[in-house]
N, C-alpha and C. Protein backbone atom coordinates (compact mmCIF):
# COMPACT_ATOMS: atom_id res chain seq x y z
N MET A 1 17.94 20.46 -14.11
CA MET A 1 16.67 19.65 -14.49
C MET A 1 16.07 19.18 -12.92
N ALA A 2 14.41 19.45 -12.90
CA ALA A 2 15.08 18.15 -11.88
C ALA A 2 14.26 16.61 -12.79
N LYS A 3 14.03 15.68 -11.80
CA LYS A 3 14.51 14.77 -12.07
C LYS A 3 12.76 14.68 -11.61
N LEU A 4 12.12 13.28 -12.46
CA LEU A 4 10.76 13.62 -12.94
C LEU A 4 10.65 11.91 -12.01
N LEU A 5 9.80 11.66 -11.39
CA LEU A 5 9.08 10.87 -10.67
C LEU A 5 7.65 10.31 -10.10
N THR A 6 7.16 9.23 -11.05
CA THR A 6 5.96 8.74 -11.01
C THR A 6 5.98 8.12 -10.34
N ILE A 7 4.63 8.95 -9.40
CA ILE A 7 4.29 7.32 -8.33
C ILE A 7 2.91 6.71 -8.77
N LEU A 8 2.72 5.38 -9.04
CA LEU A 8 1.16 4.31 -9.23
C LEU A 8 0.91 4.35 -7.43
N GLY A 9 0.08 4.48 -7.58
CA GLY A 9 -0.12 4.02 -6.57
C GLY A 9 -1.82 4.18 -5.28
N ASP A 10 -1.67 3.49 -3.95
CA ASP A 10 -3.60 3.76 -3.58
C ASP A 10 -3.17 5.06 -2.19
N SER A 11 -3.67 4.68 -1.51
CA SER A 11 -4.24 5.74 -0.69
C SER A 11 -3.14 5.87 0.77
N ILE A 12 -2.15 5.13 0.17
CA ILE A 12 -1.22 5.45 0.94
C ILE A 12 -0.18 6.32 0.41
N MET A 13 -0.40 6.28 -0.38
CA MET A 13 0.70 7.11 -1.45
C MET A 13 0.20 8.59 -1.23
N LYS A 14 -1.59 8.42 -1.71
CA LYS A 14 -1.91 9.25 -1.80
C LYS A 14 -1.99 10.84 -0.43
N GLY A 15 -1.96 9.47 0.50
CA GLY A 15 -2.21 10.91 1.94
C GLY A 15 -3.34 10.88 2.65
N VAL A 16 -3.90 9.83 1.72
CA VAL A 16 -5.42 9.47 3.10
C VAL A 16 -5.20 9.16 4.70
N MET A 17 -5.49 9.62 5.60
CA MET A 17 -5.90 8.99 6.93
C MET A 17 -7.85 8.84 7.26
N TYR A 18 -7.36 8.61 8.08
CA TYR A 18 -8.95 7.81 9.25
C TYR A 18 -8.81 9.16 10.15
N ASN A 19 -10.55 9.72 10.05
CA ASN A 19 -10.02 11.25 11.02
C ASN A 19 -10.95 10.30 11.89
N SER A 20 -10.68 9.87 13.22
CA SER A 20 -12.31 9.20 14.25
C SER A 20 -13.04 10.65 14.43
N GLU A 21 -12.28 11.66 14.83
CA GLU A 21 -13.32 12.32 15.06
C GLU A 21 -15.04 12.89 14.18
N ARG A 22 -14.38 13.44 12.60
CA ARG A 22 -15.03 13.57 11.79
C ARG A 22 -16.04 12.05 11.37
N ASP A 23 -15.29 11.10 11.72
CA ASP A 23 -15.52 9.45 11.38
C ASP A 23 -15.46 9.55 10.06
N ARG A 24 -14.25 9.73 8.86
CA ARG A 24 -14.54 9.80 7.63
C ARG A 24 -12.72 9.80 7.04
N TYR A 25 -12.38 9.58 5.85
CA TYR A 25 -11.15 9.33 5.36
C TYR A 25 -11.13 11.14 4.93
N VAL A 26 -9.51 11.30 5.17
CA VAL A 26 -9.48 12.53 4.94
C VAL A 26 -7.81 13.03 4.29
N LEU A 27 -7.53 14.01 3.60
CA LEU A 27 -6.13 14.30 3.47
C LEU A 27 -5.33 15.34 4.26
N TYR A 28 -4.01 13.27 4.16
CA TYR A 28 -2.88 14.88 5.48
C TYR A 28 -2.01 15.56 4.36
N ASN A 29 -2.31 17.35 4.23
CA ASN A 29 -1.20 17.73 3.82
C ASN A 29 -1.10 17.08 2.43
N ASP A 30 -2.01 17.09 0.90
CA ASP A 30 -2.36 16.72 0.52
C ASP A 30 -0.38 16.79 -0.89
N GLY A 31 -0.03 18.15 -0.54
CA GLY A 31 1.07 18.83 -0.95
C GLY A 31 2.28 18.07 -0.42
N TRP A 32 2.00 17.47 0.89
CA TRP A 32 3.47 17.92 1.14
C TRP A 32 4.72 16.62 0.90
N PHE A 33 3.95 15.61 0.10
CA PHE A 33 5.48 14.86 -0.20
C PHE A 33 6.41 15.18 -1.04
N ILE A 34 5.02 16.04 -2.17
CA ILE A 34 5.87 17.16 -3.51
C ILE A 34 6.24 18.03 -3.51
N GLU A 35 5.96 18.77 -2.70
CA GLU A 35 6.30 19.70 -1.81
C GLU A 35 7.83 19.53 -1.43
N SER A 36 8.45 18.83 -0.99
CA SER A 36 9.46 18.04 0.03
C SER A 36 10.09 17.51 -0.98
N ALA A 37 9.51 17.03 -2.22
CA ALA A 37 10.39 16.30 -2.87
C ALA A 37 10.84 17.46 -4.01
N LEU A 38 9.69 19.07 -4.04
CA LEU A 38 10.77 19.71 -5.30
C LEU A 38 11.93 20.25 -4.40
N ASP A 39 11.80 20.66 -2.92
CA ASP A 39 12.75 20.83 -1.89
C ASP A 39 14.47 20.37 -2.45
N SER A 40 14.60 19.25 -3.02
CA SER A 40 14.97 17.75 -3.26
C SER A 40 15.41 17.83 -4.62
N GLY A 41 15.04 18.14 -5.45
CA GLY A 41 14.58 18.58 -7.00
C GLY A 41 14.58 17.23 -7.54
N LEU A 42 12.92 16.70 -7.20
CA LEU A 42 12.01 15.83 -7.76
C LEU A 42 11.41 16.78 -8.38
N GLU A 43 11.21 16.50 -9.90
CA GLU A 43 9.12 16.71 -10.54
C GLU A 43 8.75 15.08 -10.20
N ILE A 44 7.27 15.40 -9.43
CA ILE A 44 6.05 14.75 -9.43
C ILE A 44 5.56 14.84 -9.75
N LYS A 45 5.11 13.05 -10.69
CA LYS A 45 3.29 12.86 -11.12
C LYS A 45 2.82 11.87 -10.41
N LYS A 46 1.72 12.34 -9.52
CA LYS A 46 0.82 11.32 -8.99
C LYS A 46 -0.58 10.73 -9.70
N HIS A 47 -0.34 9.42 -9.42
CA HIS A 47 -1.27 8.12 -9.46
C HIS A 47 -1.55 7.62 -9.22
N CYS A 48 -2.36 8.46 -7.91
CA CYS A 48 -2.84 7.22 -6.93
C CYS A 48 -4.19 7.72 -6.56
N ARG A 49 -4.66 6.40 -6.19
CA ARG A 49 -6.26 5.78 -5.82
C ARG A 49 -6.66 5.83 -4.57
N MET A 50 -7.74 6.21 -4.05
CA MET A 50 -8.11 4.88 -2.33
C MET A 50 -8.61 3.63 -3.25
N GLY A 51 -8.21 3.04 -3.06
CA GLY A 51 -9.00 1.58 -3.36
C GLY A 51 -8.23 1.11 -3.95
N ALA A 52 -7.00 1.41 -5.39
CA ALA A 52 -6.89 0.99 -5.81
C ALA A 52 -5.15 0.04 -6.06
N THR A 53 -5.76 -0.50 -6.45
CA THR A 53 -5.46 -2.12 -6.65
C THR A 53 -4.09 -2.13 -7.94
N VAL A 54 -3.13 -3.52 -7.91
CA VAL A 54 -2.47 -3.23 -8.94
C VAL A 54 -3.05 -3.47 -10.55
N GLU A 55 -3.61 -3.78 -10.35
CA GLU A 55 -4.51 -4.19 -11.77
C GLU A 55 -4.79 -2.12 -12.13
N TYR A 56 -4.83 -1.07 -11.75
CA TYR A 56 -4.50 -0.07 -11.56
C TYR A 56 -3.58 0.67 -11.84
N GLY A 57 -2.54 0.18 -11.68
CA GLY A 57 -1.25 0.66 -11.92
C GLY A 57 -1.49 0.03 -13.34
N LEU A 58 -1.18 -1.22 -13.36
CA LEU A 58 -1.43 -1.65 -15.10
C LEU A 58 -1.72 -0.89 -15.88
N ASP A 59 -2.66 0.38 -15.34
CA ASP A 59 -4.21 0.92 -16.10
C ASP A 59 -3.56 1.94 -16.18
N SER A 60 -2.29 2.61 -15.82
CA SER A 60 -1.67 3.30 -15.53
C SER A 60 -0.29 3.79 -16.67
N LEU A 61 -0.28 2.66 -16.39
CA LEU A 61 1.07 1.90 -17.52
C LEU A 61 0.93 3.32 -18.70
N SER A 62 0.67 3.34 -19.62
CA SER A 62 0.65 4.30 -20.98
C SER A 62 0.89 5.72 -19.89
N SER A 63 1.08 6.29 -18.89
CA SER A 63 1.59 7.44 -18.67
C SER A 63 2.30 8.03 -18.38
N ILE A 64 3.41 6.27 -18.08
CA ILE A 64 5.24 6.56 -17.72
C ILE A 64 6.16 6.66 -19.31
N ARG A 65 6.79 8.10 -18.56
CA ARG A 65 7.66 7.98 -19.69
C ARG A 65 9.34 7.63 -19.25
N GLU A 66 9.17 7.43 -20.97
CA GLU A 66 10.86 6.65 -20.45
C GLU A 66 12.37 7.79 -20.01
N GLY A 67 12.56 7.54 -19.49
CA GLY A 67 13.81 7.60 -18.83
C GLY A 67 13.46 8.63 -17.61
N THR A 68 12.39 7.97 -16.48
CA THR A 68 12.45 8.80 -15.74
C THR A 68 12.17 7.30 -14.36
N SER A 69 11.80 7.81 -13.13
CA SER A 69 11.59 6.70 -12.28
C SER A 69 10.38 6.81 -12.00
N VAL A 70 9.50 5.27 -11.79
CA VAL A 70 8.68 4.93 -10.93
C VAL A 70 8.27 3.84 -9.72
N LEU A 71 7.48 5.28 -8.73
CA LEU A 71 7.61 4.01 -7.23
C LEU A 71 6.19 3.63 -7.53
N VAL A 72 6.66 2.42 -6.80
CA VAL A 72 4.98 1.29 -7.45
C VAL A 72 4.68 1.16 -5.95
N GLU A 73 3.68 1.16 -5.58
CA GLU A 73 2.95 0.87 -4.27
C GLU A 73 1.94 0.55 -4.16
N PHE A 74 1.41 -1.06 -4.41
CA PHE A 74 0.31 -1.90 -4.30
C PHE A 74 0.53 -3.56 -3.62
N GLY A 75 -0.95 -3.60 -2.99
CA GLY A 75 -0.53 -4.38 -1.88
C GLY A 75 -1.44 -4.50 -0.95
N GLY A 76 -1.67 -3.32 -0.53
CA GLY A 76 -2.58 -3.67 0.59
C GLY A 76 -4.58 -4.00 0.44
N ASN A 77 -5.06 -3.29 -0.59
CA ASN A 77 -6.02 -3.35 -1.07
C ASN A 77 -5.86 -4.19 -1.92
N ASP A 78 -5.53 -4.98 -2.50
CA ASP A 78 -5.26 -6.65 -3.02
C ASP A 78 -5.37 -7.32 -1.97
N SER A 79 -4.74 -7.28 -1.02
CA SER A 79 -4.78 -8.34 0.01
C SER A 79 -6.56 -8.31 0.51
N ASN A 80 -7.28 -7.51 0.37
CA ASN A 80 -8.02 -7.23 1.30
C ASN A 80 -9.42 -7.76 0.94
N PHE A 81 -10.66 -8.33 1.34
CA PHE A 81 -11.62 -8.99 1.43
C PHE A 81 -13.43 -8.08 1.56
N ASN A 82 -13.43 -8.87 1.16
CA ASN A 82 -15.41 -8.61 1.26
C ASN A 82 -15.68 -8.80 2.36
N TRP A 83 -15.59 -8.14 3.49
CA TRP A 83 -15.90 -9.14 4.16
C TRP A 83 -17.91 -9.16 5.32
N SER A 84 -18.35 -7.99 4.37
CA SER A 84 -20.02 -8.85 4.97
C SER A 84 -20.42 -9.69 3.93
N LEU A 85 -19.69 -10.65 2.44
CA LEU A 85 -19.94 -11.93 1.98
C LEU A 85 -19.28 -12.61 3.72
N ILE A 86 -18.21 -12.26 4.20
CA ILE A 86 -17.11 -13.79 4.90
C ILE A 86 -18.55 -13.79 5.62
N ALA A 87 -18.98 -13.05 6.15
CA ALA A 87 -19.78 -12.77 7.47
C ALA A 87 -21.17 -13.61 7.28
N ASP A 88 -21.10 -13.70 6.21
CA ASP A 88 -22.93 -14.28 5.76
C ASP A 88 -22.84 -15.35 5.42
N ALA A 89 -21.11 -16.13 4.78
CA ALA A 89 -21.34 -17.32 4.92
C ALA A 89 -19.06 -17.61 5.29
N PRO A 90 -19.30 -17.84 6.84
CA PRO A 90 -18.10 -17.77 7.20
C PRO A 90 -17.75 -19.27 6.67
N LYS A 91 -18.01 -20.56 6.44
CA LYS A 91 -17.62 -21.68 6.44
C LYS A 91 -17.68 -21.84 4.93
N ALA A 92 -17.88 -20.59 3.70
CA ALA A 92 -16.93 -20.94 2.17
C ALA A 92 -15.84 -20.61 2.15
N GLU A 93 -15.59 -20.60 0.87
CA GLU A 93 -14.06 -20.33 1.08
C GLU A 93 -14.55 -18.41 0.16
N HIS A 94 -13.28 -18.03 0.48
CA HIS A 94 -13.49 -16.51 -0.35
C HIS A 94 -12.50 -16.06 -1.04
N ASP A 95 -12.32 -15.55 -2.09
CA ASP A 95 -11.00 -14.63 -2.14
C ASP A 95 -10.80 -13.52 -1.91
N PRO A 96 -9.73 -12.66 -2.28
CA PRO A 96 -9.00 -11.05 -1.78
C PRO A 96 -9.67 -10.18 -2.67
N VAL A 97 -9.75 -9.12 -2.81
CA VAL A 97 -9.53 -9.13 -4.02
C VAL A 97 -9.24 -9.22 -5.29
N THR A 98 -7.67 -9.12 -5.12
CA THR A 98 -6.98 -9.82 -6.08
C THR A 98 -6.54 -11.22 -5.31
N PRO A 99 -5.87 -12.09 -6.02
CA PRO A 99 -5.68 -13.42 -5.46
C PRO A 99 -5.23 -14.02 -5.77
N PRO A 100 -4.14 -14.10 -4.66
CA PRO A 100 -2.54 -14.58 -5.02
C PRO A 100 -1.60 -15.08 -6.08
N ASN A 101 -2.14 -15.51 -6.57
CA ASN A 101 -1.48 -15.66 -7.73
C ASN A 101 -1.38 -14.45 -9.30
N ALA A 102 -2.15 -13.93 -8.80
CA ALA A 102 -3.02 -13.40 -9.58
C ALA A 102 -2.06 -11.80 -9.47
N PHE A 103 -1.94 -11.44 -8.20
CA PHE A 103 -0.84 -10.51 -7.99
C PHE A 103 -0.01 -10.17 -8.16
N TYR A 104 0.33 -11.80 -8.26
CA TYR A 104 2.11 -12.17 -8.56
C TYR A 104 1.94 -11.32 -10.21
N ASN A 105 1.06 -12.24 -11.21
CA ASN A 105 1.79 -12.01 -12.08
C ASN A 105 1.69 -10.79 -12.78
N MET A 106 0.10 -10.12 -11.89
CA MET A 106 -0.27 -8.57 -12.56
C MET A 106 1.03 -7.90 -11.89
N TYR A 107 1.52 -8.17 -10.75
CA TYR A 107 3.24 -7.24 -10.02
C TYR A 107 3.80 -7.32 -11.23
N LYS A 108 4.56 -8.87 -11.49
CA LYS A 108 6.22 -8.45 -12.13
C LYS A 108 5.04 -8.04 -13.50
N LYS A 109 4.42 -8.24 -13.94
CA LYS A 109 3.96 -7.58 -15.58
C LYS A 109 4.00 -6.09 -15.54
N LEU A 110 3.60 -5.27 -14.39
CA LEU A 110 3.73 -3.88 -14.15
C LEU A 110 5.12 -3.46 -14.37
N ILE A 111 6.31 -4.24 -13.52
CA ILE A 111 7.31 -4.35 -13.11
C ILE A 111 8.00 -4.59 -14.82
N GLU A 112 7.83 -5.00 -15.54
CA GLU A 112 8.08 -4.97 -15.99
C GLU A 112 8.12 -4.56 -17.33
N GLY A 113 6.51 -3.92 -17.67
CA GLY A 113 5.90 -2.94 -17.82
C GLY A 113 7.04 -1.59 -18.22
N ILE A 114 7.24 -1.47 -16.66
CA ILE A 114 7.64 -0.32 -16.79
C ILE A 114 9.53 0.11 -17.44
N LYS A 115 9.70 -0.56 -17.39
CA LYS A 115 11.32 -1.21 -18.36
C LYS A 115 11.02 -1.48 -19.19
N ARG A 116 10.20 -1.89 -19.83
CA ARG A 116 9.81 -1.91 -21.26
C ARG A 116 9.68 -0.13 -22.45
N VAL A 117 9.19 0.21 -20.88
CA VAL A 117 9.34 1.87 -22.00
C VAL A 117 10.55 2.51 -21.60
N GLY A 118 11.63 2.09 -21.14
CA GLY A 118 12.07 2.42 -20.57
C GLY A 118 12.68 3.25 -19.40
N ALA A 119 11.69 2.96 -18.94
CA ALA A 119 11.68 3.44 -17.32
C ALA A 119 12.12 3.00 -16.01
N GLU A 120 12.57 3.15 -15.49
CA GLU A 120 13.63 2.36 -14.13
C GLU A 120 11.83 2.59 -13.01
N PRO A 121 11.57 1.14 -12.16
CA PRO A 121 10.40 1.09 -11.56
C PRO A 121 11.58 0.86 -9.83
N ILE A 122 10.74 1.42 -9.24
CA ILE A 122 11.28 0.98 -8.24
C ILE A 122 9.95 1.40 -7.25
N ALA A 123 10.05 -0.56 -6.27
CA ALA A 123 8.76 -1.54 -6.04
C ALA A 123 9.12 -0.55 -4.58
N LEU A 124 8.48 -0.04 -3.40
CA LEU A 124 7.59 -0.24 -2.10
C LEU A 124 7.18 -0.91 -1.09
N ASN A 125 7.68 -1.53 0.15
CA ASN A 125 6.95 -3.59 0.12
C ASN A 125 6.15 -2.55 0.88
N LEU A 126 5.46 -3.06 1.70
CA LEU A 126 3.72 -2.51 2.48
C LEU A 126 4.33 -2.04 3.77
N ILE A 127 3.91 -1.35 4.13
CA ILE A 127 4.06 -0.41 6.24
C ILE A 127 2.96 -1.76 6.34
N PRO A 128 3.39 -1.57 7.42
CA PRO A 128 2.71 -3.33 8.71
C PRO A 128 0.59 -2.48 8.97
N ILE A 129 0.36 -3.58 8.76
CA ILE A 129 -1.12 -3.43 9.33
C ILE A 129 -1.17 -3.59 11.23
N ASP A 130 -1.91 -2.49 11.65
CA ASP A 130 -2.66 -3.07 13.34
C ASP A 130 -3.66 -3.96 13.25
N ALA A 131 -3.11 -4.92 13.32
CA ALA A 131 -4.72 -6.04 13.28
C ALA A 131 -5.73 -6.15 14.01
N GLU A 132 -5.24 -5.91 15.20
CA GLU A 132 -6.37 -5.84 15.96
C GLU A 132 -7.45 -4.65 16.31
N THR A 133 -6.63 -3.87 15.54
CA THR A 133 -7.46 -2.19 15.26
C THR A 133 -8.31 -2.88 13.86
N PHE A 134 -7.59 -3.42 13.00
CA PHE A 134 -8.46 -3.64 12.15
C PHE A 134 -9.34 -3.93 12.09
N PHE A 135 -9.24 -5.64 12.85
CA PHE A 135 -10.55 -6.53 12.72
C PHE A 135 -11.86 -5.56 13.87
N LYS A 136 -11.25 -4.58 14.75
CA LYS A 136 -12.10 -3.95 15.52
C LYS A 136 -12.83 -2.65 14.54
N TRP A 137 -12.27 -3.10 13.47
CA TRP A 137 -12.76 -1.74 11.85
C TRP A 137 -13.66 -2.50 11.38
N ILE A 138 -13.51 -4.06 11.02
CA ILE A 138 -14.05 -4.70 10.14
C ILE A 138 -15.01 -5.35 10.93
N SER A 139 -15.60 -5.26 12.13
CA SER A 139 -16.56 -5.76 13.07
C SER A 139 -17.38 -4.71 12.76
N LYS A 140 -16.79 -3.28 12.59
CA LYS A 140 -17.81 -2.61 12.36
C LYS A 140 -18.88 -2.82 11.20
N LYS A 141 -18.31 -3.59 10.56
CA LYS A 141 -19.37 -3.34 9.28
C LYS A 141 -19.75 -4.54 9.00
N ALA A 142 -18.95 -5.82 9.75
CA ALA A 142 -19.43 -7.18 10.01
C ALA A 142 -19.67 -7.92 10.83
N ASP A 143 -20.15 -8.93 11.00
CA ASP A 143 -20.38 -9.78 12.22
C ASP A 143 -18.97 -10.22 12.41
N GLY A 144 -18.70 -9.17 13.41
CA GLY A 144 -17.10 -9.90 13.78
C GLY A 144 -16.85 -11.22 14.21
N GLY A 145 -17.63 -11.61 15.23
CA GLY A 145 -17.92 -12.66 15.98
C GLY A 145 -17.69 -14.24 14.18
N ARG A 146 -18.66 -13.66 13.34
CA ARG A 146 -18.38 -15.15 12.19
C ARG A 146 -17.56 -14.43 10.97
N VAL A 147 -16.67 -13.31 11.66
CA VAL A 147 -15.31 -13.07 10.29
C VAL A 147 -14.24 -13.96 11.06
N LEU A 148 -14.75 -13.72 12.55
CA LEU A 148 -13.71 -14.21 13.19
C LEU A 148 -13.50 -15.59 12.63
N GLU A 149 -14.80 -16.47 12.97
CA GLU A 149 -15.17 -17.71 12.99
C GLU A 149 -14.35 -18.48 11.72
N TRP A 150 -14.29 -17.36 10.53
CA TRP A 150 -13.38 -17.30 9.12
C TRP A 150 -12.05 -17.54 8.80
N LEU A 151 -11.48 -16.67 9.85
CA LEU A 151 -10.59 -16.43 9.47
C LEU A 151 -9.67 -17.37 10.32
N GLY A 152 -9.91 -17.82 11.61
CA GLY A 152 -9.47 -18.23 12.61
C GLY A 152 -8.87 -17.26 13.77
N ASP A 153 -8.31 -16.17 13.89
CA ASP A 153 -7.52 -15.83 14.87
C ASP A 153 -6.98 -14.77 14.59
N GLU A 154 -7.12 -13.14 14.89
CA GLU A 154 -7.18 -12.05 14.56
C GLU A 154 -5.89 -11.67 13.55
N ASN A 155 -5.12 -12.61 14.61
CA ASN A 155 -3.47 -11.65 13.39
C ASN A 155 -3.62 -12.91 12.21
N MET A 156 -4.19 -13.47 11.19
CA MET A 156 -4.93 -13.82 10.33
C MET A 156 -4.69 -12.67 9.25
N LEU A 157 -5.23 -11.21 9.82
CA LEU A 157 -4.70 -10.69 9.03
C LEU A 157 -3.87 -9.80 9.01
N TYR A 158 -2.54 -9.70 9.41
CA TYR A 158 -1.33 -9.71 9.52
C TYR A 158 -0.64 -11.06 8.75
N ARG A 159 -1.23 -11.80 8.80
CA ARG A 159 0.13 -12.67 8.31
C ARG A 159 -0.38 -12.90 6.46
N TRP A 160 -1.90 -12.61 6.01
CA TRP A 160 -2.52 -12.69 5.26
C TRP A 160 -1.90 -11.65 4.35
N HIS A 161 -1.47 -10.02 5.22
CA HIS A 161 -1.58 -8.69 4.12
C HIS A 161 0.75 -9.20 4.39
N GLU A 162 1.12 -9.85 5.06
CA GLU A 162 2.33 -10.08 4.96
C GLU A 162 2.84 -11.12 3.71
N TYR A 163 1.71 -11.82 3.58
CA TYR A 163 2.62 -12.46 2.15
C TYR A 163 1.95 -11.36 0.96
N TYR A 164 1.21 -10.76 1.03
CA TYR A 164 1.54 -9.50 0.08
C TYR A 164 2.33 -8.64 -0.12
N ASN A 165 3.23 -8.77 1.18
CA ASN A 165 4.14 -8.48 1.61
C ASN A 165 5.18 -8.71 0.76
N ARG A 166 5.24 -10.40 0.81
CA ARG A 166 6.59 -10.72 0.96
C ARG A 166 6.85 -10.82 -0.93
N THR A 167 5.24 -11.21 -1.30
CA THR A 167 5.56 -11.75 -3.23
C THR A 167 5.52 -9.62 -3.34
N VAL A 168 5.46 -8.92 -3.77
CA VAL A 168 5.71 -7.71 -3.66
C VAL A 168 7.91 -7.90 -4.01
N GLU A 169 7.69 -8.22 -2.19
CA GLU A 169 9.48 -8.03 -2.20
C GLU A 169 10.08 -9.52 -3.27
N ARG A 170 9.38 -10.45 -3.13
CA ARG A 170 9.74 -11.75 -4.04
C ARG A 170 9.72 -11.24 -5.76
N VAL A 171 8.85 -10.68 -6.14
CA VAL A 171 8.81 -9.75 -7.44
C VAL A 171 9.97 -8.65 -7.40
N ALA A 172 9.88 -7.99 -7.15
CA ALA A 172 11.49 -7.39 -7.06
C ALA A 172 12.32 -8.05 -7.23
N TYR A 173 13.17 -9.10 -6.63
CA TYR A 173 14.27 -10.11 -6.71
C TYR A 173 14.07 -10.09 -7.88
N GLU A 174 12.93 -11.01 -8.06
CA GLU A 174 13.20 -11.65 -9.67
C GLU A 174 13.06 -11.00 -10.63
N THR A 175 13.03 -10.06 -10.91
CA THR A 175 13.10 -8.79 -11.45
C THR A 175 13.70 -7.74 -11.49
N GLY A 176 15.18 -8.03 -10.27
CA GLY A 176 16.34 -6.44 -10.84
C GLY A 176 15.58 -5.69 -10.50
N CYS A 177 14.19 -5.28 -9.72
CA CYS A 177 14.16 -4.54 -9.70
C CYS A 177 14.83 -2.64 -7.91
N ARG A 178 14.68 -2.16 -8.01
CA ARG A 178 14.63 -1.98 -6.76
C ARG A 178 13.88 -1.83 -6.18
N LEU A 179 14.24 -1.58 -4.47
CA LEU A 179 13.17 -2.00 -3.06
C LEU A 179 13.20 -0.96 -2.08
N ILE A 180 12.54 -0.66 -1.82
CA ILE A 180 12.76 0.13 -0.81
C ILE A 180 12.32 -0.81 0.23
N ASP A 181 13.06 -0.40 1.33
CA ASP A 181 12.16 -1.55 2.55
C ASP A 181 11.48 -0.67 3.29
N LEU A 182 9.88 -0.06 3.00
CA LEU A 182 9.59 0.79 4.10
C LEU A 182 9.64 0.09 5.63
N ARG A 183 8.96 -1.00 5.18
CA ARG A 183 8.14 -1.88 6.38
C ARG A 183 9.25 -2.62 7.31
N SER A 184 10.49 -2.40 6.82
CA SER A 184 11.40 -3.38 7.81
C SER A 184 12.02 -2.17 9.43
N LYS A 185 11.89 -0.90 8.52
CA LYS A 185 12.10 0.09 9.57
C LYS A 185 11.45 0.58 10.21
N LEU A 186 9.59 0.56 9.73
CA LEU A 186 8.41 0.46 10.77
C LEU A 186 7.93 -0.40 11.55
N LEU A 187 8.81 -1.97 11.64
CA LEU A 187 8.74 -2.87 12.20
C LEU A 187 9.64 -2.35 13.25
N LEU A 188 10.55 -1.77 14.02
CA LEU A 188 11.84 -1.56 14.43
C LEU A 188 11.01 -0.20 15.21
N ASP A 189 10.23 0.34 14.34
CA ASP A 189 9.31 1.94 15.83
C ASP A 189 8.59 1.03 16.83
N ARG A 190 9.18 0.76 18.04
CA ARG A 190 8.15 0.95 19.08
C ARG A 190 7.13 1.37 19.55
N SER A 191 7.03 2.27 18.39
CA SER A 191 6.02 3.52 18.72
C SER A 191 5.05 3.60 17.48
N TYR A 192 5.27 2.76 16.30
CA TYR A 192 4.62 2.31 15.50
C TYR A 192 3.31 2.11 15.06
N CYS A 193 2.58 1.70 16.57
CA CYS A 193 0.88 1.33 16.45
C CYS A 193 0.36 2.93 16.70
N SER A 194 1.28 3.55 17.02
CA SER A 194 0.97 5.44 17.40
C SER A 194 0.32 6.26 16.27
N MET A 195 1.29 5.85 15.60
CA MET A 195 1.37 6.31 14.28
C MET A 195 0.19 5.80 13.10
N ILE A 196 -0.58 4.72 13.47
CA ILE A 196 -1.28 4.42 12.91
C ILE A 196 -3.13 5.32 13.15
N SER A 197 -4.03 5.19 11.90
CA SER A 197 -5.12 6.19 12.31
C SER A 197 -6.23 5.08 12.67
N GLY A 198 -7.41 5.24 12.37
CA GLY A 198 -8.19 4.31 14.16
C GLY A 198 -8.88 3.33 12.79
N ASP A 199 -8.82 2.97 11.52
CA ASP A 199 -9.24 1.65 10.81
C ASP A 199 -7.85 0.28 10.86
N GLY A 200 -7.01 1.11 11.17
CA GLY A 200 -5.57 0.39 11.33
C GLY A 200 -5.19 -0.09 10.47
N LEU A 201 -5.07 0.90 9.16
CA LEU A 201 -4.92 0.68 8.22
C LEU A 201 -3.72 1.65 7.67
N HIS A 202 -4.32 2.90 7.53
CA HIS A 202 -3.62 3.77 7.16
C HIS A 202 -2.94 4.26 8.28
N PRO A 203 -1.71 5.49 7.93
CA PRO A 203 -0.60 6.03 8.75
C PRO A 203 -2.04 7.01 9.15
N ASN A 204 -1.09 7.94 10.56
CA ASN A 204 -2.16 9.47 10.57
C ASN A 204 -0.99 10.17 10.43
N GLU A 205 -1.58 11.61 11.16
CA GLU A 205 -0.49 12.71 10.42
C GLU A 205 0.56 12.12 10.63
N LYS A 206 1.22 11.59 12.33
CA LYS A 206 2.68 11.31 12.67
C LYS A 206 3.17 9.90 11.92
N GLY A 207 2.75 9.42 10.89
CA GLY A 207 2.58 8.29 10.06
C GLY A 207 3.08 8.72 8.87
N HIS A 208 2.61 9.28 8.25
CA HIS A 208 2.82 10.49 7.30
C HIS A 208 4.14 11.33 6.98
N GLU A 209 3.88 11.71 8.22
CA GLU A 209 5.60 12.28 8.49
C GLU A 209 6.32 11.26 8.79
N LEU A 210 6.46 10.50 9.32
CA LEU A 210 7.56 8.77 8.85
C LEU A 210 7.75 8.56 7.97
N ILE A 211 6.69 8.71 7.10
CA ILE A 211 6.85 8.27 5.86
C ILE A 211 8.26 8.67 5.11
N ARG A 212 7.43 9.67 4.74
CA ARG A 212 8.16 11.33 4.09
C ARG A 212 10.09 10.91 4.60
N LYS A 213 9.97 11.31 5.54
CA LYS A 213 11.37 11.48 5.96
C LYS A 213 12.27 9.97 5.58
N LEU A 214 11.46 8.74 5.56
CA LEU A 214 12.31 7.05 5.51
C LEU A 214 11.99 7.38 3.66
N ILE A 215 11.10 8.01 2.88
CA ILE A 215 11.45 7.34 1.61
C ILE A 215 11.72 8.53 0.93
N LEU A 216 11.99 9.84 1.10
CA LEU A 216 12.59 11.11 -0.11
C LEU A 216 14.16 10.97 0.35
N PRO A 217 14.91 10.38 1.10
CA PRO A 217 16.42 9.97 1.23
C PRO A 217 16.89 8.58 0.10
N GLU A 218 16.24 8.33 -0.26
CA GLU A 218 16.21 7.05 -1.26
C GLU A 218 15.96 7.80 -2.86
N LEU A 219 15.05 8.60 -2.61
CA LEU A 219 14.06 9.35 -4.16
C LEU A 219 15.93 9.92 -4.71
N ILE A 220 16.57 10.35 -3.98
CA ILE A 220 17.01 11.93 -4.45
C ILE A 220 18.22 11.55 -4.67
């Protein structure tokens, strides 16, 4: 019998990438992860949605079955901001989609909730962003100069995202949850920036393929 794996996540695990030529988001061979997993003896249920936050993960708890493994991948959208509002008022205080303390509490509640139903949570930390490319992407939608006034410097995008990654790792440590450290492996890859789509956030075809190769051995 195949081992059942449920994936709770956002567009990264869904397989989303930005296609610059078509100027739209597309799916990279949506079945790539499922097909590879089936060959390895895994049966997969995916609850992944573009734009999903940790709140979506909590709402999906009712779908978790006892005795299964649950891969949890959230944080990227939680750490994002409404950049148009920031450009309109760069001297004001602005909260991300899920403020830091709320993200910590909700992520911890999600991990503990998975354990309560008798399933095994597996946390996946965040893939790195390309801050320079992401800032250019933001500047297409909002006044880049005013956004930069609020940020202080472009690399604040990376640091803010890293803070949420550290929160994921902190919760995994505090709850005794298994962590797949995908981020460290990607940070050490000197060609990593060539694996990111034109928005600075989503992997391209090459990036998704590498993620598949790095994650799958951790799950079988």
